[in-house]
């Protein structure tokens, strides 16, 4: 399993958000360095996302929510969502996104 996983749930539809482009980056001395990219599966998940191990540091998961809503002819206030988080140890990091066209929420999952 990857050190970081994610999933996206469409809170309005009450279903997994399939087809959301997601990118993982690490903050370096020259800005954000891309590590991995993927698209959520039929369950709204990305299970194989990035390296098996991340060094302590600051990371971000970027979600292309605009494209997801565009495919559904749904206007959205948030065309992109970026979640920045800190890795401090060797634990698994699950970064979920609960999404609607005009709001979103996240938490540290398990």
PDB file of N, CA and C in Angstrom:
ATOM      1  N   UNK A   1       0.849  -1.185   0.000  1.00  0.00           N
ATOM      2  CA  UNK A   1       0.000   0.000   0.000  1.00  0.00           C
ATOM      3  C   UNK A   1       0.888   1.238   0.000  1.00  0.00           C
ATOM      4  N   UNK A   2       0.435   2.237  -0.692  1.00  0.00           N
ATOM      5  CA  UNK A   2       1.149   3.505  -0.727  1.00  0.00           C
ATOM      6  C   UNK A   2       1.106   4.165   0.647  1.00  0.00           C
ATOM      7  N   UNK A   3       2.084   4.983   0.922  1.00  0.00           N
ATOM      8  CA  UNK A   3       2.157   5.721   2.182  1.00  0.00           C
ATOM      9  C   UNK A   3       0.982   6.691   2.308  1.00  0.00           C
ATOM     10  N   UNK A   4       0.540   7.237   1.171  1.00  0.00           N
ATOM     11  CA  UNK A   4      -0.607   8.153   1.135  1.00  0.00           C
ATOM     12  C   UNK A   4      -1.680   7.545   0.242  1.00  0.00           C
ATOM     13  N   UNK A   5      -2.906   7.557   0.725  1.00  0.00           N
ATOM     14  CA  UNK A   5      -4.055   7.171  -0.087  1.00  0.00           C
ATOM     15  C   UNK A   5      -5.101   8.262   0.031  1.00  0.00           C
ATOM     16  N   UNK A   6      -6.084   8.228  -0.860  1.00  0.00           N
ATOM     17  CA  UNK A   6      -7.147   9.217  -0.810  1.00  0.00           C
ATOM     18  C   UNK A   6      -8.425   8.624  -1.375  1.00  0.00           C
ATOM     19  N   UNK A   7      -9.515   9.261  -1.059  1.00  0.00           N
ATOM     20  CA  UNK A   7     -10.769   8.970  -1.742  1.00  0.00           C
ATOM     21  C   UNK A   7     -11.606  10.230  -1.752  1.00  0.00           C
ATOM     22  N   UNK A   8     -12.507  10.302  -2.728  1.00  0.00           N
ATOM     23  CA  UNK A   8     -13.371  11.474  -2.888  1.00  0.00           C
ATOM     24  C   UNK A   8     -14.812  10.977  -2.891  1.00  0.00           C
ATOM     25  N   UNK A   9     -15.620  11.600  -2.045  1.00  0.00           N
ATOM     26  CA  UNK A   9     -17.045  11.288  -1.981  1.00  0.00           C
ATOM     27  C   UNK A   9     -17.833  12.508  -2.420  1.00  0.00           C
ATOM     28  N   UNK A  10     -18.767  12.306  -3.324  1.00  0.00           N
ATOM     29  CA  UNK A  10     -19.651  13.367  -3.784  1.00  0.00           C
ATOM     30  C   UNK A  10     -20.789  13.459  -2.763  1.00  0.00           C
ATOM     31  N   UNK A  11     -20.753  14.476  -1.922  1.00  0.00           N
ATOM     32  CA  UNK A  11     -21.707  14.615  -0.824  1.00  0.00           C
ATOM     33  C   UNK A  11     -23.119  14.927  -1.310  1.00  0.00           C
ATOM     34  N   UNK A  12     -23.255  15.525  -2.480  1.00  0.00           N
ATOM     35  CA  UNK A  12     -24.579  15.834  -3.016  1.00  0.00           C
ATOM     36  C   UNK A  12     -25.230  14.574  -3.586  1.00  0.00           C
ATOM     37  N   UNK A  13     -24.483  13.843  -4.379  1.00  0.00           N
ATOM     38  CA  UNK A  13     -25.015  12.630  -4.996  1.00  0.00           C
ATOM     39  C   UNK A  13     -25.048  11.459  -4.020  1.00  0.00           C
ATOM     40  N   UNK A  14     -24.214  11.540  -2.965  1.00  0.00           N
ATOM     41  CA  UNK A  14     -24.135  10.435  -2.019  1.00  0.00           C
ATOM     42  C   UNK A  14     -23.428   9.229  -2.596  1.00  0.00           C
ATOM     43  N   UNK A  15     -22.507   9.479  -3.516  1.00  0.00           N
ATOM     44  CA  UNK A  15     -21.781   8.399  -4.186  1.00  0.00           C
ATOM     45  C   UNK A  15     -20.295   8.710  -4.236  1.00  0.00           C
ATOM     46  N   UNK A  16     -19.467   7.699  -4.492  1.00  0.00           N
ATOM     47  CA  UNK A  16     -18.045   7.958  -4.731  1.00  0.00           C
ATOM     48  C   UNK A  16     -17.881   8.839  -5.971  1.00  0.00           C
ATOM     49  N   UNK A  17     -16.884   9.703  -5.950  1.00  0.00           N
ATOM     50  CA  UNK A  17     -16.607  10.589  -7.086  1.00  0.00           C
ATOM     51  C   UNK A  17     -15.571   9.921  -7.983  1.00  0.00           C
ATOM     52  N   UNK A  18     -16.057   9.242  -8.997  1.00  0.00           N
ATOM     53  CA  UNK A  18     -15.189   8.552  -9.949  1.00  0.00           C
ATOM     54  C   UNK A  18     -14.647   9.539 -10.976  1.00  0.00           C
ATOM     55  N   UNK A  19     -13.371   9.371 -11.342  1.00  0.00           N
ATOM     56  CA  UNK A  19     -12.783  10.153 -12.426  1.00  0.00           C
ATOM     57  C   UNK A  19     -12.186  11.489 -12.028  1.00  0.00           C
ATOM     58  N   UNK A  20     -11.915  11.696 -10.732  1.00  0.00           N
ATOM     59  CA  UNK A  20     -11.279  12.935 -10.283  1.00  0.00           C
ATOM     60  C   UNK A  20      -9.759  12.778 -10.422  1.00  0.00           C
ATOM     61  N   UNK A  21      -9.135  13.681 -11.155  1.00  0.00           N
ATOM     62  CA  UNK A  21      -7.674  13.678 -11.279  1.00  0.00           C
ATOM     63  C   UNK A  21      -7.072  14.196  -9.974  1.00  0.00           C
ATOM     64  N   UNK A  22      -6.062  13.470  -9.483  1.00  0.00           N
ATOM     65  CA  UNK A  22      -5.445  13.774  -8.197  1.00  0.00           C
ATOM     66  C   UNK A  22      -3.928  13.759  -8.377  1.00  0.00           C
ATOM     67  N   UNK A  23      -3.241  14.714  -7.727  1.00  0.00           N
ATOM     68  CA  UNK A  23      -1.778  14.771  -7.805  1.00  0.00           C
ATOM     69  C   UNK A  23      -1.196  14.943  -6.407  1.00  0.00           C
ATOM     70  N   UNK A  24      -0.091  14.258  -6.148  1.00  0.00           N
ATOM     71  CA  UNK A  24       0.637  14.347  -4.884  1.00  0.00           C
ATOM     72  C   UNK A  24       1.963  15.037  -5.134  1.00  0.00           C
ATOM     73  N   UNK A  25       2.279  16.042  -4.302  1.00  0.00           N
ATOM     74  CA  UNK A  25       3.546  16.775  -4.429  1.00  0.00           C
ATOM     75  C   UNK A  25       4.169  16.961  -3.060  1.00  0.00           C
ATOM     76  N   UNK A  26       5.469  17.171  -3.051  1.00  0.00           N
ATOM     77  CA  UNK A  26       6.214  17.454  -1.832  1.00  0.00           C
ATOM     78  C   UNK A  26       6.803  18.852  -1.929  1.00  0.00           C
ATOM     79  N   UNK A  27       6.747  19.594  -0.833  1.00  0.00           N
ATOM     80  CA  UNK A  27       7.347  20.929  -0.825  1.00  0.00           C
ATOM     81  C   UNK A  27       8.852  20.801  -0.675  1.00  0.00           C
ATOM     82  N   UNK A  28       9.556  21.362  -1.636  1.00  0.00           N
ATOM     83  CA  UNK A  28      11.011  21.357  -1.610  1.00  0.00           C
ATOM     84  C   UNK A  28      11.531  22.780  -1.523  1.00  0.00           C
ATOM     85  N   UNK A  29      12.824  22.930  -1.592  1.00  0.00           N
ATOM     86  CA  UNK A  29      13.428  24.262  -1.484  1.00  0.00           C
ATOM     87  C   UNK A  29      13.089  25.150  -2.679  1.00  0.00           C
ATOM     88  N   UNK A  30      12.737  24.550  -3.813  1.00  0.00           N
ATOM     89  CA  UNK A  30      12.390  25.314  -5.020  1.00  0.00           C
ATOM     90  C   UNK A  30      10.902  25.269  -5.351  1.00  0.00           C
ATOM     91  N   UNK A  31      10.068  24.933  -4.362  1.00  0.00           N
ATOM     92  CA  UNK A  31       8.626  24.861  -4.600  1.00  0.00           C
ATOM     93  C   UNK A  31       8.119  23.435  -4.508  1.00  0.00           C
ATOM     94  N   UNK A  32       6.982  23.184  -5.141  1.00  0.00           N
ATOM     95  CA  UNK A  32       6.339  21.869  -5.084  1.00  0.00           C
ATOM     96  C   UNK A  32       6.926  20.935  -6.126  1.00  0.00           C
ATOM     97  N   UNK A  33       7.325  19.747  -5.679  1.00  0.00           N
ATOM     98  CA  UNK A  33       7.902  18.732  -6.555  1.00  0.00           C
ATOM     99  C   UNK A  33       6.886  17.607  -6.744  1.00  0.00           C
ATOM    100  N   UNK A  34       6.435  17.354  -7.968  1.00  0.00           N
ATOM    101  CA  UNK A  34       5.456  16.295  -8.213  1.00  0.00           C
ATOM    102  C   UNK A  34       6.007  14.917  -7.856  1.00  0.00           C
ATOM    103  N   UNK A  35       5.171  14.107  -7.223  1.00  0.00           N
ATOM    104  CA  UNK A  35       5.555  12.742  -6.861  1.00  0.00           C
ATOM    105  C   UNK A  35       4.707  11.690  -7.563  1.00  0.00           C
ATOM    106  N   UNK A  36       3.409  11.975  -7.718  1.00  0.00           N
ATOM    107  CA  UNK A  36       2.506  10.977  -8.301  1.00  0.00           C
ATOM    108  C   UNK A  36       1.241  11.660  -8.792  1.00  0.00           C
ATOM    109  N   UNK A  37       0.580  10.990  -9.714  1.00  0.00           N
ATOM    110  CA  UNK A  37      -0.739  11.440 -10.150  1.00  0.00           C
ATOM    111  C   UNK A  37      -1.579  10.208 -10.453  1.00  0.00           C
ATOM    112  N   UNK A  38      -2.892  10.369 -10.331  1.00  0.00           N
ATOM    113  CA  UNK A  38      -3.803   9.252 -10.559  1.00  0.00           C
ATOM    114  C   UNK A  38      -5.200   9.810 -10.788  1.00  0.00           C
ATOM    115  N   UNK A  39      -6.134   8.923 -11.049  1.00  0.00           N
ATOM    116  CA  UNK A  39      -7.540   9.267 -11.212  1.00  0.00           C
ATOM    117  C   UNK A  39      -8.330   8.343 -10.305  1.00  0.00           C
ATOM    118  N   UNK A  40      -9.318   8.897  -9.603  1.00  0.00           N
ATOM    119  CA  UNK A  40     -10.106   8.069  -8.694  1.00  0.00           C
ATOM    120  C   UNK A  40     -10.858   6.982  -9.467  1.00  0.00           C
ATOM    121  N   UNK A  41     -10.939   5.810  -8.853  1.00  0.00           N
ATOM    122  CA  UNK A  41     -11.601   4.666  -9.485  1.00  0.00           C
ATOM    123  C   UNK A  41     -13.112   4.704  -9.233  1.00  0.00           C
ATOM    124  N   UNK A  42     -13.813   3.643  -9.578  1.00  0.00           N
ATOM    125  CA  UNK A  42     -15.271   3.584  -9.447  1.00  0.00           C
ATOM    126  C   UNK A  42     -15.725   3.745  -8.001  1.00  0.00           C
ATOM    127  N   UNK A  43     -14.837   3.441  -7.050  1.00  0.00           N
ATOM    128  CA  UNK A  43     -15.147   3.608  -5.630  1.00  0.00           C
ATOM    129  C   UNK A  43     -14.681   4.974  -5.118  1.00  0.00           C
ATOM    130  N   UNK A  44     -14.216   5.849  -6.026  1.00  0.00           N
ATOM    131  CA  UNK A  44     -13.747   7.175  -5.647  1.00  0.00           C
ATOM    132  C   UNK A  44     -12.392   7.168  -4.963  1.00  0.00           C
ATOM    133  N   UNK A  45     -11.663   6.074  -5.083  1.00  0.00           N
ATOM    134  CA  UNK A  45     -10.408   5.906  -4.333  1.00  0.00           C
ATOM    135  C   UNK A  45      -9.178   5.890  -5.242  1.00  0.00           C
ATOM    136  N   UNK A  46      -8.073   6.279  -4.626  1.00  0.00           N
ATOM    137  CA  UNK A  46      -6.744   6.088  -5.210  1.00  0.00           C
ATOM    138  C   UNK A  46      -5.942   5.338  -4.160  1.00  0.00           C
ATOM    139  N   UNK A  47      -5.734   4.059  -4.374  1.00  0.00           N
ATOM    140  CA  UNK A  47      -5.032   3.240  -3.403  1.00  0.00           C
ATOM    141  C   UNK A  47      -3.546   3.134  -3.664  1.00  0.00           C
ATOM    142  N   UNK A  48      -3.165   3.195  -4.924  1.00  0.00           N
ATOM    143  CA  UNK A  48      -1.752   3.099  -5.283  1.00  0.00           C
ATOM    144  C   UNK A  48      -1.310   4.496  -5.706  1.00  0.00           C
ATOM    145  N   UNK A  49      -0.876   5.271  -4.729  1.00  0.00           N
ATOM    146  CA  UNK A  49      -0.665   6.701  -4.937  1.00  0.00           C
ATOM    147  C   UNK A  49       0.644   7.121  -4.312  1.00  0.00           C
ATOM    148  N   UNK A  50       1.660   7.216  -5.119  1.00  0.00           N
ATOM    149  CA  UNK A  50       2.937   7.699  -4.606  1.00  0.00           C
ATOM    150  C   UNK A  50       3.791   6.591  -4.035  1.00  0.00           C
ATOM    151  N   UNK A  51       4.877   6.977  -3.437  1.00  0.00           N
ATOM    152  CA  UNK A  51       5.848   6.012  -2.935  1.00  0.00           C
ATOM    153  C   UNK A  51       5.321   5.217  -1.739  1.00  0.00           C
ATOM    154  N   UNK A  52       5.992   4.085  -1.494  1.00  0.00           N
ATOM    155  CA  UNK A  52       5.644   3.271  -0.327  1.00  0.00           C
ATOM    156  C   UNK A  52       6.020   3.967   0.972  1.00  0.00           C
ATOM    157  N   UNK A  53       6.981   4.878   0.906  1.00  0.00           N
ATOM    158  CA  UNK A  53       7.480   5.575   2.106  1.00  0.00           C
ATOM    159  C   UNK A  53       7.744   7.032   1.764  1.00  0.00           C
ATOM    160  N   UNK A  54       7.298   7.924   2.616  1.00  0.00           N
ATOM    161  CA  UNK A  54       7.580   9.352   2.461  1.00  0.00           C
ATOM    162  C   UNK A  54       8.458   9.818   3.610  1.00  0.00           C
ATOM    163  N   UNK A  55       9.396  10.668   3.296  1.00  0.00           N
ATOM    164  CA  UNK A  55      10.223  11.282   4.327  1.00  0.00           C
ATOM    165  C   UNK A  55       9.401  12.329   5.058  1.00  0.00           C
ATOM    166  N   UNK A  56       9.735  12.628   6.309  1.00  0.00           N
ATOM    167  CA  UNK A  56       9.038  13.723   6.992  1.00  0.00           C
ATOM    168  C   UNK A  56       9.132  15.001   6.169  1.00  0.00           C
ATOM    169  N   UNK A  57       8.027  15.738   6.113  1.00  0.00           N
ATOM    170  CA  UNK A  57       7.994  16.966   5.343  1.00  0.00           C
ATOM    171  C   UNK A  57       6.579  17.416   5.077  1.00  0.00           C
ATOM    172  N   UNK A  58       6.453  18.439   4.230  1.00  0.00           N
ATOM    173  CA  UNK A  58       5.161  19.015   3.878  1.00  0.00           C
ATOM    174  C   UNK A  58       4.774  18.498   2.489  1.00  0.00           C
ATOM    175  N   UNK A  59       3.538  18.033   2.375  1.00  0.00           N
ATOM    176  CA  UNK A  59       3.026  17.457   1.134  1.00  0.00           C
ATOM    177  C   UNK A  59       1.680  18.094   0.800  1.00  0.00           C
ATOM    178  N   UNK A  60       1.262  17.930  -0.443  1.00  0.00           N
ATOM    179  CA  UNK A  60      -0.073  18.382  -0.823  1.00  0.00           C
ATOM    180  C   UNK A  60      -0.711  17.360  -1.754  1.00  0.00           C
ATOM    181  N   UNK A  61      -2.023  17.238  -1.624  1.00  0.00           N
ATOM    182  CA  UNK A  61      -2.827  16.471  -2.564  1.00  0.00           C
ATOM    183  C   UNK A  61      -3.712  17.485  -3.269  1.00  0.00           C
ATOM    184  N   UNK A  62      -3.648  17.489  -4.593  1.00  0.00           N
ATOM    185  CA  UNK A  62      -4.389  18.444  -5.418  1.00  0.00           C
ATOM    186  C   UNK A  62      -5.463  17.677  -6.196  1.00  0.00           C
ATOM    187  N   UNK A  63      -6.707  18.141  -6.100  1.00  0.00           N
ATOM    188  CA  UNK A  63      -7.844  17.503  -6.748  1.00  0.00           C
ATOM    189  C   UNK A  63      -8.379  18.422  -7.846  1.00  0.00           C
ATOM    190  N   UNK A  64      -8.569  17.896  -9.048  1.00  0.00           N
ATOM    191  CA  UNK A  64      -9.155  18.657 -10.149  1.00  0.00           C
ATOM    192  C   UNK A  64     -10.672  18.509 -10.085  1.00  0.00           C
ATOM    193  N   UNK A  65     -11.292  19.251  -9.190  1.00  0.00           N
ATOM    194  CA  UNK A  65     -12.731  19.146  -8.965  1.00  0.00           C
ATOM    195  C   UNK A  65     -13.526  19.813 -10.077  1.00  0.00           C
ATOM    196  N   UNK A  66     -12.952  20.818 -10.716  1.00  0.00           N
ATOM    197  CA  UNK A  66     -13.637  21.499 -11.809  1.00  0.00           C
ATOM    198  C   UNK A  66     -13.957  20.562 -12.955  1.00  0.00           C
ATOM    199  N   UNK A  67     -13.008  19.733 -13.322  1.00  0.00           N
ATOM    200  CA  UNK A  67     -13.223  18.781 -14.407  1.00  0.00           C
ATOM    201  C   UNK A  67     -14.308  17.777 -14.021  1.00  0.00           C
ATOM    202  N   UNK A  68     -14.283  17.317 -12.770  1.00  0.00           N
ATOM    203  CA  UNK A  68     -15.293  16.377 -12.294  1.00  0.00           C
ATOM    204  C   UNK A  68     -16.693  16.968 -12.450  1.00  0.00           C
ATOM    205  N   UNK A  69     -16.888  18.193 -11.971  1.00  0.00           N
ATOM    206  CA  UNK A  69     -18.209  18.815 -12.050  1.00  0.00           C
ATOM    207  C   UNK A  69     -18.573  19.208 -13.479  1.00  0.00           C
ATOM    208  N   UNK A  70     -17.600  19.603 -14.269  1.00  0.00           N
ATOM    209  CA  UNK A  70     -17.842  19.966 -15.663  1.00  0.00           C
ATOM    210  C   UNK A  70     -18.443  18.788 -16.437  1.00  0.00           C
ATOM    211  N   UNK A  71     -17.940  17.596 -16.187  1.00  0.00           N
ATOM    212  CA  UNK A  71     -18.456  16.401 -16.857  1.00  0.00           C
ATOM    213  C   UNK A  71     -19.904  16.122 -16.470  1.00  0.00           C
ATOM    214  N   UNK A  72     -20.351  16.706 -15.382  1.00  0.00           N
ATOM    215  CA  UNK A  72     -21.726  16.526 -14.917  1.00  0.00           C
ATOM    216  C   UNK A  72     -22.599  17.753 -15.187  1.00  0.00           C
ATOM    217  N   UNK A  73     -22.067  18.688 -15.976  1.00  0.00           N
ATOM    218  CA  UNK A  73     -22.771  19.947 -16.267  1.00  0.00           C
ATOM    219  C   UNK A  73     -23.219  20.635 -14.983  1.00  0.00           C
ATOM    220  N   UNK A  74     -22.345  20.601 -13.990  1.00  0.00           N
ATOM    221  CA  UNK A  74     -22.637  21.184 -12.675  1.00  0.00           C
ATOM    222  C   UNK A  74     -21.671  22.330 -12.409  1.00  0.00           C
ATOM    223  N   UNK A  75     -22.162  23.554 -12.235  1.00  0.00           N
ATOM    224  CA  UNK A  75     -21.249  24.641 -11.864  1.00  0.00           C
ATOM    225  C   UNK A  75     -20.676  24.398 -10.472  1.00  0.00           C
ATOM    226  N   UNK A  76     -19.483  24.911 -10.248  1.00  0.00           N
ATOM    227  CA  UNK A  76     -18.847  24.751  -8.949  1.00  0.00           C
ATOM    228  C   UNK A  76     -18.080  26.016  -8.585  1.00  0.00           C
ATOM    229  N   UNK A  77     -18.009  26.296  -7.318  1.00  0.00           N
ATOM    230  CA  UNK A  77     -17.240  27.429  -6.819  1.00  0.00           C
ATOM    231  C   UNK A  77     -15.767  27.062  -6.643  1.00  0.00           C
ATOM    232  N   UNK A  78     -15.496  25.762  -6.491  1.00  0.00           N
ATOM    233  CA  UNK A  78     -14.140  25.278  -6.239  1.00  0.00           C
ATOM    234  C   UNK A  78     -13.658  24.418  -7.408  1.00  0.00           C
ATOM    235  N   UNK A  79     -13.032  25.022  -8.418  1.00  0.00           N
ATOM    236  CA  UNK A  79     -12.548  24.237  -9.550  1.00  0.00           C
ATOM    237  C   UNK A  79     -11.330  23.377  -9.189  1.00  0.00           C
ATOM    238  N   UNK A  80     -10.689  23.706  -8.082  1.00  0.00           N
ATOM    239  CA  UNK A  80      -9.547  22.932  -7.591  1.00  0.00           C
ATOM    240  C   UNK A  80      -9.601  22.922  -6.074  1.00  0.00           C
ATOM    241  N   UNK A  81      -9.162  21.812  -5.499  1.00  0.00           N
ATOM    242  CA  UNK A  81      -9.023  21.724  -4.046  1.00  0.00           C
ATOM    243  C   UNK A  81      -7.622  21.201  -3.776  1.00  0.00           C
ATOM    244  N   UNK A  82      -6.896  21.895  -2.917  1.00  0.00           N
ATOM    245  CA  UNK A  82      -5.560  21.460  -2.522  1.00  0.00           C
ATOM    246  C   UNK A  82      -5.524  21.308  -1.014  1.00  0.00           C
ATOM    247  N   UNK A  83      -5.106  20.144  -0.565  1.00  0.00           N
ATOM    248  CA  UNK A  83      -4.989  19.856   0.862  1.00  0.00           C
ATOM    249  C   UNK A  83      -3.506  19.710   1.176  1.00  0.00           C
ATOM    250  N   UNK A  84      -3.015  20.564   2.047  1.00  0.00           N
ATOM    251  CA  UNK A  84      -1.610  20.541   2.453  1.00  0.00           C
ATOM    252  C   UNK A  84      -1.540  19.888   3.831  1.00  0.00           C
ATOM    253  N   UNK A  85      -0.595  18.963   4.004  1.00  0.00           N
ATOM    254  CA  UNK A  85      -0.479  18.242   5.268  1.00  0.00           C
ATOM    255  C   UNK A  85       0.988  17.931   5.552  1.00  0.00           C
ATOM    256  N   UNK A  86       1.259  17.572   6.784  1.00  0.00           N
ATOM    257  CA  UNK A  86       2.635  17.298   7.199  1.00  0.00           C
ATOM    258  C   UNK A  86       2.797  15.832   7.575  1.00  0.00           C
ATOM    259  N   UNK A  87       3.817  15.194   7.013  1.00  0.00           N
ATOM    260  CA  UNK A  87       4.202  13.834   7.364  1.00  0.00           C
ATOM    261  C   UNK A  87       5.279  13.937   8.432  1.00  0.00           C
ATOM    262  N   UNK A  88       5.033  13.306   9.569  1.00  0.00           N
ATOM    263  CA  UNK A  88       5.984  13.381  10.678  1.00  0.00           C
ATOM    264  C   UNK A  88       6.562  12.033  11.060  1.00  0.00           C
ATOM    265  N   UNK A  89       5.943  10.956  10.579  1.00  0.00           N
ATOM    266  CA  UNK A  89       6.389   9.627  10.989  1.00  0.00           C
ATOM    267  C   UNK A  89       6.111   8.626   9.874  1.00  0.00           C
ATOM    268  N   UNK A  90       6.312   7.362  10.158  1.00  0.00           N
ATOM    269  CA  UNK A  90       6.126   6.322   9.156  1.00  0.00           C
ATOM    270  C   UNK A  90       4.711   5.807   9.040  1.00  0.00           C
ATOM    271  N   UNK A  91       3.753   6.448   9.702  1.00  0.00           N
ATOM    272  CA  UNK A  91       2.367   5.991   9.666  1.00  0.00           C
ATOM    273  C   UNK A  91       1.763   6.174   8.278  1.00  0.00           C
ATOM    274  N   UNK A  92       0.699   5.439   8.030  1.00  0.00           N
ATOM    275  CA  UNK A  92      -0.056   5.592   6.786  1.00  0.00           C
ATOM    276  C   UNK A  92      -0.876   6.877   6.875  1.00  0.00           C
ATOM    277  N   UNK A  93      -0.947   7.619   5.768  1.00  0.00           N
ATOM    278  CA  UNK A  93      -1.713   8.869   5.717  1.00  0.00           C
ATOM    279  C   UNK A  93      -2.833   8.713   4.690  1.00  0.00           C
ATOM    280  N   UNK A  94      -4.073   8.791   5.167  1.00  0.00           N
ATOM    281  CA  UNK A  94      -5.235   8.744   4.293  1.00  0.00           C
ATOM    282  C   UNK A  94      -5.850  10.132   4.294  1.00  0.00           C
ATOM    283  N   UNK A  95      -5.956  10.740   3.100  1.00  0.00           N
ATOM    284  CA  UNK A  95      -6.412  12.128   2.970  1.00  0.00           C
ATOM    285  C   UNK A  95      -7.689  12.133   2.124  1.00  0.00           C
ATOM    286  N   UNK A  96      -8.854  12.025   2.763  1.00  0.00           N
ATOM    287  CA  UNK A  96     -10.108  11.998   2.022  1.00  0.00           C
ATOM    288  C   UNK A  96     -10.651  13.399   1.732  1.00  0.00           C
ATOM    289  N   UNK A  97     -11.527  13.469   0.745  1.00  0.00           N
ATOM    290  CA  UNK A  97     -12.190  14.719   0.392  1.00  0.00           C
ATOM    291  C   UNK A  97     -13.685  14.453   0.270  1.00  0.00           C
ATOM    292  N   UNK A  98     -14.484  15.187   1.040  1.00  0.00           N
ATOM    293  CA  UNK A  98     -15.943  15.167   0.925  1.00  0.00           C
ATOM    294  C   UNK A  98     -16.305  16.396   0.123  1.00  0.00           C
ATOM    295  N   UNK A  99     -16.931  16.204  -1.019  1.00  0.00           N
ATOM    296  CA  UNK A  99     -17.046  17.251  -2.025  1.00  0.00           C
ATOM    297  C   UNK A  99     -18.489  17.556  -2.386  1.00  0.00           C
ATOM    298  N   UNK A 100     -18.780  18.838  -2.551  1.00  0.00           N
ATOM    299  CA  UNK A 100     -20.016  19.297  -3.165  1.00  0.00           C
ATOM    300  C   UNK A 100     -19.653  20.512  -4.016  1.00  0.00           C
ATOM    301  N   UNK A 101     -20.540  20.990  -4.866  1.00  0.00           N
ATOM    302  CA  UNK A 101     -20.177  22.084  -5.768  1.00  0.00           C
ATOM    303  C   UNK A 101     -19.789  23.386  -5.056  1.00  0.00           C
ATOM    304  N   UNK A 102     -20.291  23.593  -3.845  1.00  0.00           N
ATOM    305  CA  UNK A 102     -20.042  24.873  -3.166  1.00  0.00           C
ATOM    306  C   UNK A 102     -19.466  24.692  -1.763  1.00  0.00           C
ATOM    307  N   UNK A 103     -18.944  23.523  -1.477  1.00  0.00           N
ATOM    308  CA  UNK A 103     -18.316  23.269  -0.172  1.00  0.00           C
ATOM    309  C   UNK A 103     -17.466  22.015  -0.269  1.00  0.00           C
ATOM    310  N   UNK A 104     -16.499  21.903   0.623  1.00  0.00           N
ATOM    311  CA  UNK A 104     -15.748  20.661   0.757  1.00  0.00           C
ATOM    312  C   UNK A 104     -15.241  20.546   2.178  1.00  0.00           C
ATOM    313  N   UNK A 105     -14.892  19.320   2.542  1.00  0.00           N
ATOM    314  CA  UNK A 105     -14.392  19.041   3.882  1.00  0.00           C
ATOM    315  C   UNK A 105     -13.363  17.931   3.769  1.00  0.00           C
ATOM    316  N   UNK A 106     -12.466  17.890   4.718  1.00  0.00           N
ATOM    317  CA  UNK A 106     -11.458  16.842   4.749  1.00  0.00           C
ATOM    318  C   UNK A 106     -11.135  16.524   6.202  1.00  0.00           C
ATOM    319  N   UNK A 107     -10.427  15.432   6.417  1.00  0.00           N
ATOM    320  CA  UNK A 107      -9.991  15.023   7.752  1.00  0.00           C
ATOM    321  C   UNK A 107      -8.845  14.038   7.563  1.00  0.00           C
ATOM    322  N   UNK A 108      -8.139  13.758   8.625  1.00  0.00           N
ATOM    323  CA  UNK A 108      -7.105  12.720   8.530  1.00  0.00           C
ATOM    324  C   UNK A 108      -7.759  11.377   8.756  1.00  0.00           C
ATOM    325  N   UNK A 109      -7.806  10.597   7.707  1.00  0.00           N
ATOM    326  CA  UNK A 109      -8.424   9.274   7.787  1.00  0.00           C
ATOM    327  C   UNK A 109      -7.447   8.236   8.273  1.00  0.00           C
ATOM    328  N   UNK A 110      -7.900   7.000   8.281  1.00  0.00           N
ATOM    329  CA  UNK A 110      -7.044   5.899   8.737  1.00  0.00           C
ATOM    330  C   UNK A 110      -6.992   4.814   7.690  1.00  0.00           C
TER     331      UNK A 110
END
